[in-house]
Amino acid sequence: MPPFCPSPPDSGASPRVAQIWAIASVVNRHDEFRMTLDEAGGPAVWREVHPAFTVFNPPSETFSCLWEPFDRNFGAFHDAASETMARFAGTTELFPQGAPPANVFDISSVPWTTFTGFTLNIDGGWDHFAPIFTLGRYAEREGRSLLPLAVQVHHAVADGFHTARLIEELRALFSDTTWLRA
């Protein structure tokens, strides 16, 4: 479990948007998490992938899937993603922005509970190479904020080594939050 990514009081950053950016930043560092199949069915790597993330509509108890083009500049990404989330906050459509682009990966959130494992089964997912991240409810323990994180990867493109490296890079990013002030 990486530490929860807090927003320093003076940053004004949304923790949720910061988490999404941090994950997207690390995913975009590694070819194995940007893999896809080309039109001929051969392996290919996206130049860049973008985060698709769920937002919850409490009155209808429904989720919507939004996405935001990844921007390596945290401040620019934060402003754009925050605006997208605000614009679609009350929607009940699953994909209010239309069909997601092909070069997205998923970040979902289950902030009502903590967990030690989480698995999604994707119908016909033999060619779904994009990683899937699920965040849970963070908890305070021994003076630290901990955030459950489940990472699901396709074994054809990544294994334990790659996933462990991704988690360690994410942990390092969450430990040094100077980027939140960018």
C-alpha atoms as a PDB file:
ATOM      1  CA  MET A   1       0.000   0.000   0.000  1.00  0.00           C
ATOM      2  CA  PRO A   2       1.584   3.289  -1.032  1.00  0.00           C
ATOM      3  CA  PRO A   3       1.098   6.204   1.323  1.00  0.00           C
ATOM      4  CA  PHE A   4      -1.909   8.378   0.610  1.00  0.00           C
ATOM      5  CA  CYS A   5      -1.033  11.365  -1.520  1.00  0.00           C
ATOM      6  CA  PRO A   6      -1.982  14.354   0.609  1.00  0.00           C
ATOM      7  CA  SER A   7      -2.402  17.872  -0.592  1.00  0.00           C
ATOM      8  CA  PRO A   8      -0.262  20.294   1.374  1.00  0.00           C
ATOM      9  CA  PRO A   9      -2.526  22.954   2.905  1.00  0.00           C
ATOM     10  CA  ASP A  10      -1.043  25.666   0.704  1.00  0.00           C
ATOM     11  CA  SER A  11      -1.280  23.696  -2.562  1.00  0.00           C
ATOM     12  CA  GLY A  12      -5.058  23.777  -3.055  1.00  0.00           C
ATOM     13  CA  ALA A  13      -4.721  20.528  -4.985  1.00  0.00           C
ATOM     14  CA  SER A  14      -7.444  17.910  -5.051  1.00  0.00           C
ATOM     15  CA  PRO A  15      -6.103  14.644  -3.556  1.00  0.00           C
ATOM     16  CA  ARG A  16      -8.138  12.638  -6.090  1.00  0.00           C
ATOM     17  CA  VAL A  17      -6.748  14.537  -9.071  1.00  0.00           C
ATOM     18  CA  ALA A  18      -3.244  14.308  -7.593  1.00  0.00           C
ATOM     19  CA  GLN A  19      -3.600  10.525  -7.295  1.00  0.00           C
ATOM     20  CA  ILE A  20      -4.797  10.253 -10.907  1.00  0.00           C
ATOM     21  CA  TRP A  21      -1.922  12.408 -12.187  1.00  0.00           C
ATOM     22  CA  ALA A  22       0.679  10.506 -10.161  1.00  0.00           C
ATOM     23  CA  ILE A  23      -0.525   7.149 -11.488  1.00  0.00           C
ATOM     24  CA  ALA A  24      -0.661   8.456 -15.074  1.00  0.00           C
ATOM     25  CA  SER A  25       2.802   9.952 -14.704  1.00  0.00           C
ATOM     26  CA  VAL A  26       4.328   6.629 -13.665  1.00  0.00           C
ATOM     27  CA  VAL A  27       2.345   4.580 -16.214  1.00  0.00           C
ATOM     28  CA  ASN A  28       3.630   6.822 -19.017  1.00  0.00           C
ATOM     29  CA  ARG A  29       7.256   6.122 -18.028  1.00  0.00           C
ATOM     30  CA  HIS A  30       7.084   2.463 -19.082  1.00  0.00           C
ATOM     31  CA  ASP A  31       6.373   0.798 -22.425  1.00  0.00           C
ATOM     32  CA  GLU A  32       4.868  -2.292 -20.798  1.00  0.00           C
ATOM     33  CA  PHE A  33       1.981  -0.227 -19.399  1.00  0.00           C
ATOM     34  CA  ARG A  34       1.334   1.472 -22.764  1.00  0.00           C
ATOM     35  CA  MET A  35       1.065  -1.723 -24.820  1.00  0.00           C
ATOM     36  CA  THR A  36      -1.664  -2.407 -27.347  1.00  0.00           C
ATOM     37  CA  LEU A  37      -2.184  -4.448 -30.488  1.00  0.00           C
ATOM     38  CA  ASP A  38      -1.838  -2.807 -33.898  1.00  0.00           C
ATOM     39  CA  GLU A  39      -4.325  -3.325 -36.728  1.00  0.00           C
ATOM     40  CA  ALA A  40      -2.527  -6.515 -37.796  1.00  0.00           C
ATOM     41  CA  GLY A  41      -2.703  -7.935 -34.274  1.00  0.00           C
ATOM     42  CA  GLY A  42       0.974  -7.371 -33.504  1.00  0.00           C
ATOM     43  CA  PRO A  43       2.359  -5.726 -30.373  1.00  0.00           C
ATOM     44  CA  ALA A  44       2.625  -1.947 -30.351  1.00  0.00           C
ATOM     45  CA  VAL A  45       3.233   0.776 -27.784  1.00  0.00           C
ATOM     46  CA  TRP A  46       1.184   3.939 -27.472  1.00  0.00           C
ATOM     47  CA  ARG A  47       3.336   7.078 -27.401  1.00  0.00           C
ATOM     48  CA  GLU A  48       1.230   8.254 -24.464  1.00  0.00           C
ATOM     49  CA  VAL A  49      -1.787   6.979 -22.567  1.00  0.00           C
ATOM     50  CA  HIS A  50      -4.421   8.972 -20.745  1.00  0.00           C
ATOM     51  CA  PRO A  51      -6.232   8.227 -17.487  1.00  0.00           C
ATOM     52  CA  ALA A  52      -9.905   7.263 -17.541  1.00  0.00           C
ATOM     53  CA  PHE A  53     -11.413   7.551 -14.087  1.00  0.00           C
ATOM     54  CA  THR A  54     -14.745   6.985 -12.436  1.00  0.00           C
ATOM     55  CA  VAL A  55     -16.840   9.623 -10.715  1.00  0.00           C
ATOM     56  CA  PHE A  56     -19.750   8.818  -8.442  1.00  0.00           C
ATOM     57  CA  ASN A  57     -23.167  10.468  -8.561  1.00  0.00           C
ATOM     58  CA  PRO A  58     -24.547  10.055  -4.997  1.00  0.00           C
ATOM     59  CA  PRO A  59     -28.251  10.827  -5.689  1.00  0.00           C
ATOM     60  CA  SER A  60     -28.504   8.196  -8.434  1.00  0.00           C
ATOM     61  CA  GLU A  61     -25.827   5.886  -6.968  1.00  0.00           C
ATOM     62  CA  THR A  62     -24.291   5.555 -10.419  1.00  0.00           C
ATOM     63  CA  PHE A  63     -20.786   5.897 -11.792  1.00  0.00           C
ATOM     64  CA  SER A  64     -19.603   7.671 -14.890  1.00  0.00           C
ATOM     65  CA  CYS A  65     -16.322   7.176 -16.688  1.00  0.00           C
ATOM     66  CA  LEU A  66     -14.432  10.345 -17.581  1.00  0.00           C
ATOM     67  CA  TRP A  67     -10.970  10.846 -19.000  1.00  0.00           C
ATOM     68  CA  GLU A  68      -8.525  13.652 -19.317  1.00  0.00           C
ATOM     69  CA  PRO A  69      -5.591  13.961 -21.705  1.00  0.00           C
ATOM     70  CA  PHE A  70      -2.413  13.437 -19.708  1.00  0.00           C
ATOM     71  CA  ASP A  71      -0.257  16.521 -19.227  1.00  0.00           C
ATOM     72  CA  ARG A  72       3.181  16.123 -17.656  1.00  0.00           C
ATOM     73  CA  ASN A  73       2.640  19.483 -15.966  1.00  0.00           C
ATOM     74  CA  PHE A  74       0.699  18.682 -12.798  1.00  0.00           C
ATOM     75  CA  GLY A  75      -0.856  22.150 -12.485  1.00  0.00           C
ATOM     76  CA  ALA A  76      -2.200  22.104 -16.048  1.00  0.00           C
ATOM     77  CA  PHE A  77      -3.537  18.560 -15.634  1.00  0.00           C
ATOM     78  CA  HIS A  78      -5.077  19.410 -12.250  1.00  0.00           C
ATOM     79  CA  ASP A  79      -6.976  22.390 -13.630  1.00  0.00           C
ATOM     80  CA  ALA A  80      -8.252  20.496 -16.686  1.00  0.00           C
ATOM     81  CA  ALA A  81      -9.261  17.336 -14.776  1.00  0.00           C
ATOM     82  CA  SER A  82     -10.933  19.345 -12.011  1.00  0.00           C
ATOM     83  CA  GLU A  83     -12.972  21.220 -14.622  1.00  0.00           C
ATOM     84  CA  THR A  84     -13.949  17.965 -16.353  1.00  0.00           C
ATOM     85  CA  MET A  85     -15.044  16.431 -13.049  1.00  0.00           C
ATOM     86  CA  ALA A  86     -17.087  19.532 -12.160  1.00  0.00           C
ATOM     87  CA  ARG A  87     -18.716  19.678 -15.623  1.00  0.00           C
ATOM     88  CA  PHE A  88     -19.933  16.079 -15.423  1.00  0.00           C
ATOM     89  CA  ALA A  89     -20.549  15.848 -11.649  1.00  0.00           C
ATOM     90  CA  GLY A  90     -24.302  15.306 -11.927  1.00  0.00           C
ATOM     91  CA  THR A  91     -24.454  13.081 -14.976  1.00  0.00           C
ATOM     92  CA  THR A  92     -25.970   9.610 -14.957  1.00  0.00           C
ATOM     93  CA  GLU A  93     -24.461   8.614 -18.310  1.00  0.00           C
ATOM     94  CA  LEU A  94     -21.770   5.946 -18.247  1.00  0.00           C
ATOM     95  CA  PHE A  95     -19.658   7.789 -20.844  1.00  0.00           C
ATOM     96  CA  PRO A  96     -20.819  11.428 -20.853  1.00  0.00           C
ATOM     97  CA  GLN A  97     -17.838  12.504 -22.993  1.00  0.00           C
ATOM     98  CA  GLY A  98     -18.647   9.877 -25.625  1.00  0.00           C
ATOM     99  CA  ALA A  99     -16.645   6.731 -26.312  1.00  0.00           C
ATOM    100  CA  PRO A 100     -13.220   6.830 -24.638  1.00  0.00           C
ATOM    101  CA  PRO A 101     -10.184   7.041 -26.903  1.00  0.00           C
ATOM    102  CA  ALA A 102      -8.313   3.787 -27.493  1.00  0.00           C
ATOM    103  CA  ASN A 103      -5.204   4.926 -25.602  1.00  0.00           C
ATOM    104  CA  VAL A 104      -6.665   5.165 -22.096  1.00  0.00           C
ATOM    105  CA  PHE A 105      -6.123   3.101 -18.972  1.00  0.00           C
ATOM    106  CA  ASP A 106      -8.527   2.818 -16.043  1.00  0.00           C
ATOM    107  CA  ILE A 107      -8.413   4.222 -12.528  1.00  0.00           C
ATOM    108  CA  SER A 108     -11.368   3.346 -10.360  1.00  0.00           C
ATOM    109  CA  SER A 109     -12.146   4.245  -6.793  1.00  0.00           C
ATOM    110  CA  VAL A 110     -13.910   2.460  -3.951  1.00  0.00           C
ATOM    111  CA  PRO A 111     -13.540   5.131  -1.248  1.00  0.00           C
ATOM    112  CA  TRP A 112     -16.124   3.522   1.055  1.00  0.00           C
ATOM    113  CA  THR A 113     -13.946   0.605   2.091  1.00  0.00           C
ATOM    114  CA  THR A 114     -10.412  -0.591   2.458  1.00  0.00           C
ATOM    115  CA  PHE A 115      -9.194  -3.830   0.902  1.00  0.00           C
ATOM    116  CA  THR A 116      -6.158  -6.030   0.495  1.00  0.00           C
ATOM    117  CA  GLY A 117      -7.063  -7.260  -2.979  1.00  0.00           C
ATOM    118  CA  PHE A 118      -9.422  -6.327  -5.776  1.00  0.00           C
ATOM    119  CA  THR A 119      -9.905  -8.076  -9.125  1.00  0.00           C
ATOM    120  CA  LEU A 120     -11.978  -7.204 -12.161  1.00  0.00           C
ATOM    121  CA  ASN A 121     -12.947  -9.754 -14.788  1.00  0.00           C
ATOM    122  CA  ILE A 122     -13.047  -8.289 -18.278  1.00  0.00           C
ATOM    123  CA  ASP A 123     -15.207 -10.171 -20.756  1.00  0.00           C
ATOM    124  CA  GLY A 124     -12.995 -11.120 -23.687  1.00  0.00           C
ATOM    125  CA  GLY A 125     -10.071  -9.374 -21.999  1.00  0.00           C
ATOM    126  CA  TRP A 126      -7.341 -11.442 -23.676  1.00  0.00           C
ATOM    127  CA  ASP A 127      -6.259  -8.300 -25.569  1.00  0.00           C
ATOM    128  CA  HIS A 128      -6.872  -5.698 -22.828  1.00  0.00           C
ATOM    129  CA  PHE A 129      -3.235  -4.810 -22.104  1.00  0.00           C
ATOM    130  CA  ALA A 130      -3.851  -1.522 -20.300  1.00  0.00           C
ATOM    131  CA  PRO A 131      -3.359  -1.642 -16.528  1.00  0.00           C
ATOM    132  CA  ILE A 132      -6.338  -1.158 -14.233  1.00  0.00           C
ATOM    133  CA  PHE A 133      -5.937   0.637 -10.909  1.00  0.00           C
ATOM    134  CA  THR A 134      -8.408   0.575  -8.037  1.00  0.00           C
ATOM    135  CA  LEU A 135      -8.041   2.908  -5.062  1.00  0.00           C
ATOM    136  CA  GLY A 136      -9.796   2.282  -1.747  1.00  0.00           C
ATOM    137  CA  ARG A 137     -10.510   4.277   1.387  1.00  0.00           C
ATOM    138  CA  TYR A 138      -7.400   5.619   3.008  1.00  0.00           C
ATOM    139  CA  ALA A 139      -6.769   4.989   6.679  1.00  0.00           C
ATOM    140  CA  GLU A 140      -4.562   6.596   9.291  1.00  0.00           C
ATOM    141  CA  ARG A 141      -2.188   4.117  10.885  1.00  0.00           C
ATOM    142  CA  GLU A 142       0.772   4.893  13.143  1.00  0.00           C
ATOM    143  CA  GLY A 143       0.872   8.503  12.004  1.00  0.00           C
ATOM    144  CA  ARG A 144       0.741   7.617   8.304  1.00  0.00           C
ATOM    145  CA  SER A 145      -2.055   7.852   5.788  1.00  0.00           C
ATOM    146  CA  LEU A 146      -2.330   4.615   3.825  1.00  0.00           C
ATOM    147  CA  LEU A 147      -4.254   4.128   0.613  1.00  0.00           C
ATOM    148  CA  PRO A 148      -5.216   0.673  -0.668  1.00  0.00           C
ATOM    149  CA  LEU A 149      -4.151   0.266  -4.276  1.00  0.00           C
ATOM    150  CA  ALA A 150      -4.923  -2.711  -6.482  1.00  0.00           C
ATOM    151  CA  VAL A 151      -3.064  -2.968  -9.789  1.00  0.00           C
ATOM    152  CA  GLN A 152      -4.271  -5.396 -12.421  1.00  0.00           C
ATOM    153  CA  VAL A 153      -1.948  -6.055 -15.345  1.00  0.00           C
ATOM    154  CA  HIS A 154      -2.025  -8.397 -18.317  1.00  0.00           C
ATOM    155  CA  HIS A 155       0.692 -10.988 -17.863  1.00  0.00           C
ATOM    156  CA  ALA A 156       1.451 -10.934 -21.586  1.00  0.00           C
ATOM    157  CA  VAL A 157       2.970  -7.445 -21.209  1.00  0.00           C
ATOM    158  CA  ALA A 158       4.027  -7.106 -17.569  1.00  0.00           C
ATOM    159  CA  ASP A 159       4.875  -9.323 -14.645  1.00  0.00           C
ATOM    160  CA  GLY A 160       5.643  -8.922 -10.951  1.00  0.00           C
ATOM    161  CA  PHE A 161       8.934  -7.156 -11.592  1.00  0.00           C
ATOM    162  CA  HIS A 162       7.303  -4.456 -13.726  1.00  0.00           C
ATOM    163  CA  THR A 163       4.373  -4.032 -11.371  1.00  0.00           C
ATOM    164  CA  ALA A 164       6.614  -3.807  -8.294  1.00  0.00           C
ATOM    165  CA  ARG A 165       8.730  -1.161 -10.030  1.00  0.00           C
ATOM    166  CA  LEU A 166       5.610   0.829 -10.886  1.00  0.00           C
ATOM    167  CA  ILE A 167       4.399   0.671  -7.271  1.00  0.00           C
ATOM    168  CA  GLU A 168       7.794   1.707  -5.905  1.00  0.00           C
ATOM    169  CA  GLU A 169       7.962   4.653  -8.316  1.00  0.00           C
ATOM    170  CA  LEU A 170       4.456   5.657  -7.273  1.00  0.00           C
ATOM    171  CA  ARG A 171       5.417   5.359  -3.602  1.00  0.00           C
ATOM    172  CA  ALA A 172       8.436   7.624  -4.213  1.00  0.00           C
ATOM    173  CA  LEU A 173       6.273  10.176  -6.018  1.00  0.00           C
ATOM    174  CA  PHE A 174       3.755  10.180  -3.155  1.00  0.00           C
ATOM    175  CA  SER A 175       6.563  10.534  -0.614  1.00  0.00           C
ATOM    176  CA  ASP A 176       8.009  13.682  -2.198  1.00  0.00           C
ATOM    177  CA  THR A 177       5.030  15.910  -2.911  1.00  0.00           C
ATOM    178  CA  THR A 178       6.956  18.956  -4.162  1.00  0.00           C
ATOM    179  CA  TRP A 179       5.324  18.353  -7.587  1.00  0.00           C
ATOM    180  CA  LEU A 180       1.962  19.306  -6.042  1.00  0.00           C
ATOM    181  CA  ARG A 181       3.095  22.915  -5.959  1.00  0.00           C
ATOM    182  CA  ALA A 182       3.962  22.966  -9.668  1.00  0.00           C
END
